[in-house]
C-alpha atoms as a PDB file:
ATOM      1  CA  MET A   1     104.619  75.792  93.233  1.00  0.00           C
ATOM      2  CA  SER A   2     108.379  75.643  93.610  1.00  0.00           C
ATOM      3  CA  SER A   3     110.669  77.382  96.066  1.00  0.00           C
ATOM      4  CA  PHE A   4     114.206  78.691  95.717  1.00  0.00           C
ATOM      5  CA  LEU A   5     116.529  81.317  97.166  1.00  0.00           C
ATOM      6  CA  LEU A   6     116.902  84.728  95.578  1.00  0.00           C
ATOM      7  CA  ILE A   7     119.935  86.941  96.112  1.00  0.00           C
ATOM      8  CA  GLY A   8     118.758  90.543  96.152  1.00  0.00           C
ATOM      9  CA  TYR A   9     120.624  93.665  95.107  1.00  0.00           C
ATOM     10  CA  ASP A  10     121.539  94.217  98.745  1.00  0.00           C
ATOM     11  CA  GLY A  11     123.278  90.840  98.849  1.00  0.00           C
ATOM     12  CA  ARG A  12     120.712  89.287 101.180  1.00  0.00           C
ATOM     13  CA  VAL A  13     119.350  85.854 100.416  1.00  0.00           C
ATOM     14  CA  SER A  14     115.576  85.596 100.513  1.00  0.00           C
ATOM     15  CA  PRO A  15     113.475  82.469 100.079  1.00  0.00           C
ATOM     16  CA  VAL A  16     110.883  82.908  97.362  1.00  0.00           C
ATOM     17  CA  SER A  17     108.177  80.747  95.839  1.00  0.00           C
ATOM     18  CA  ARG A  18     107.610  80.506  92.125  1.00  0.00           C
ATOM     19  CA  ARG A  19     104.081  80.060  90.825  1.00  0.00           C
ATOM     20  CA  SER A  20     102.217  80.447  87.585  1.00  0.00           C
ATOM     21  CA  ILE A  21      99.060  82.558  87.497  1.00  0.00           C
ATOM     22  CA  SER A  22      96.460  83.394  84.871  1.00  0.00           C
ATOM     23  CA  LEU A  23      95.130  86.922  84.409  1.00  0.00           C
ATOM     24  CA  PRO A  24      92.532  88.406  82.093  1.00  0.00           C
ATOM     25  CA  GLU A  25      94.351  90.101  79.203  1.00  0.00           C
ATOM     26  CA  ASP A  26      93.283  93.613  80.237  1.00  0.00           C
ATOM     27  CA  VAL A  27      94.492  93.047  83.803  1.00  0.00           C
ATOM     28  CA  ASP A  28      97.764  91.580  82.528  1.00  0.00           C
ATOM     29  CA  ALA A  29      98.339  94.637  80.339  1.00  0.00           C
ATOM     30  CA  ALA A  30      97.597  96.984  83.244  1.00  0.00           C
ATOM     31  CA  VAL A  31      99.968  95.056  85.545  1.00  0.00           C
ATOM     32  CA  GLU A  32     102.725  95.143  82.920  1.00  0.00           C
ATOM     33  CA  ALA A  33     102.277  98.891  82.406  1.00  0.00           C
ATOM     34  CA  ALA A  34     102.285  99.568  86.149  1.00  0.00           C
ATOM     35  CA  ALA A  35     105.423  97.460  86.643  1.00  0.00           C
ATOM     36  CA  VAL A  36     107.231  99.263  83.820  1.00  0.00           C
ATOM     37  CA  ALA A  37     106.161 102.656  85.191  1.00  0.00           C
ATOM     38  CA  ALA A  38     107.503 101.658  88.620  1.00  0.00           C
ATOM     39  CA  GLY A  39     110.748 100.350  87.156  1.00  0.00           C
ATOM     40  CA  LEU A  40     110.076  96.855  88.518  1.00  0.00           C
ATOM     41  CA  SER A  41     109.653  93.371  87.150  1.00  0.00           C
ATOM     42  CA  VAL A  42     106.092  92.103  87.064  1.00  0.00           C
ATOM     43  CA  SER A  43     106.950  89.688  89.892  1.00  0.00           C
ATOM     44  CA  ALA A  44     108.401  92.461  92.069  1.00  0.00           C
ATOM     45  CA  TRP A  45     105.444  94.763  91.354  1.00  0.00           C
ATOM     46  CA  LEU A  46     102.908  92.037  92.169  1.00  0.00           C
ATOM     47  CA  ALA A  47     104.782  91.173  95.383  1.00  0.00           C
ATOM     48  CA  ARG A  48     104.629  94.825  96.468  1.00  0.00           C
ATOM     49  CA  VAL A  49     100.915  95.056  95.670  1.00  0.00           C
ATOM     50  CA  VAL A  50     100.144  91.865  97.593  1.00  0.00           C
ATOM     51  CA  GLU A  51     102.262  92.991 100.581  1.00  0.00           C
ATOM     52  CA  HIS A  52     100.430  96.344 100.537  1.00  0.00           C
ATOM     53  CA  HIS A  53      97.071  94.560 100.420  1.00  0.00           C
ATOM     54  CA  PHE A  54      97.914  92.471 103.492  1.00  0.00           C
ATOM     55  CA  ARG A  55      99.274  95.537 105.342  1.00  0.00           C
ATOM     56  CA  LEU A  56      95.973  97.315 104.682  1.00  0.00           C
ATOM     57  CA  ARG A  57      93.991  94.289 105.896  1.00  0.00           C
ATOM     58  CA  ARG A  58      96.034  94.161 109.116  1.00  0.00           C
ATOM     59  CA  GLY A  59      95.472  97.884 109.618  1.00  0.00           C
ATOM     60  CA  LEU A  60      91.732  97.595 109.076  1.00  0.00           C
ATOM     61  CA  ALA A  61      91.596  94.648 111.472  1.00  0.00           C
ATOM     62  CA  GLY A  62      93.466  96.741 114.062  1.00  0.00           C
ATOM     63  CA  ILE A  63      91.007  99.597 113.638  1.00  0.00           C
ATOM     64  CA  ALA A  64      88.046  97.234 114.014  1.00  0.00           C
ATOM     65  CA  GLU A  65      89.604  95.723 117.144  1.00  0.00           C
ATOM     66  CA  TRP A  66      90.212  99.172 118.658  1.00  0.00           C
ATOM     67  CA  GLU A  67      86.673 100.315 117.849  1.00  0.00           C
ATOM     68  CA  ALA A  68      85.210  97.127 119.324  1.00  0.00           C
ATOM     69  CA  GLU A  69      86.966  97.919 122.588  1.00  0.00           C
ATOM     70  CA  HIS A  70      86.634 101.719 122.677  1.00  0.00           C
ATOM     71  CA  GLY A  71      83.712 102.588 120.414  1.00  0.00           C
ATOM     72  CA  ALA A  72      83.597 103.984 116.905  1.00  0.00           C
ATOM     73  CA  PHE A  73      85.785 106.909 115.957  1.00  0.00           C
ATOM     74  CA  THR A  74      83.981 110.256 116.027  1.00  0.00           C
ATOM     75  CA  ASP A  75      83.683 112.419 112.916  1.00  0.00           C
ATOM     76  CA  GLU A  76      86.258 114.779 114.453  1.00  0.00           C
ATOM     77  CA  GLU A  77      88.707 111.926 115.065  1.00  0.00           C
ATOM     78  CA  LEU A  78      88.248 110.669 111.515  1.00  0.00           C
ATOM     79  CA  GLU A  79      88.866 114.148 110.104  1.00  0.00           C
ATOM     80  CA  ASP A  80      91.982 114.562 112.271  1.00  0.00           C
ATOM     81  CA  GLY A  81      93.225 111.200 111.009  1.00  0.00           C
ATOM     82  CA  ARG A  82      92.584 112.117 107.375  1.00  0.00           C
ATOM     83  CA  ALA A  83      94.382 115.440 107.796  1.00  0.00           C
ATOM     84  CA  TRP A  84      97.327 113.704 109.484  1.00  0.00           C
ATOM     85  CA  ALA A  85      97.542 111.095 106.701  1.00  0.00           C
ATOM     86  CA  THR A  86      97.375 113.798 104.023  1.00  0.00           C
ATOM     87  CA  ARG A  87     100.294 115.628 105.653  1.00  0.00           C
ATOM     88  CA  VAL A  88     102.341 112.442 105.952  1.00  0.00           C
ATOM     89  CA  LEU A  89     101.659 111.356 102.374  1.00  0.00           C
ATOM     90  CA  SER A  90     102.567 114.783 101.013  1.00  0.00           C
ATOM     91  CA  GLY A  91     105.916 114.697 102.798  1.00  0.00           C
ATOM     92  CA  GLU A  92     105.052 117.352 105.383  1.00  0.00           C
ATOM     93  CA  PRO A  93     105.831 116.836 109.053  1.00  0.00           C
ATOM     94  CA  PRO A  94     102.844 114.956 110.483  1.00  0.00           C
ATOM     95  CA  GLY A  95     102.356 117.242 113.469  1.00  0.00           C
ATOM     96  CA  PRO A  96     100.157 116.349 116.412  1.00  0.00           C
ATOM     97  CA  ILE A  97      97.053 114.223 116.184  1.00  0.00           C
ATOM     98  CA  THR A  98      94.204 114.489 118.663  1.00  0.00           C
ATOM     99  CA  ARG A  99      93.926 111.322 120.734  1.00  0.00           C
ATOM    100  CA  ARG A 100      90.983 110.096 122.709  1.00  0.00           C
ATOM    101  CA  SER A 101      91.765 108.681 126.130  1.00  0.00           C
ATOM    102  CA  ALA A 102      91.602 104.921 126.054  1.00  0.00           C
END
């Protein structure tokens, strides 16, 4: 693995690591197609996917930590959360979400 500095389109300098990876041919083709569809290089697309993966893991860990302290979410709370997320992801104002007292 080698490291170097990358100057982004915004003019900021970011340290990056360069590495070589091997992928099954079908996965490689799917990654290439997804990167092209997103208008990104394969490296940029993979970086976004990996960042998203780690963000999801941190979120799931936060949920597990909260539930360990306060108990599992109720079906009503889960439904409220799903409805809120659907509104946010569709571009609508999120509106209120029902909160349980901690």
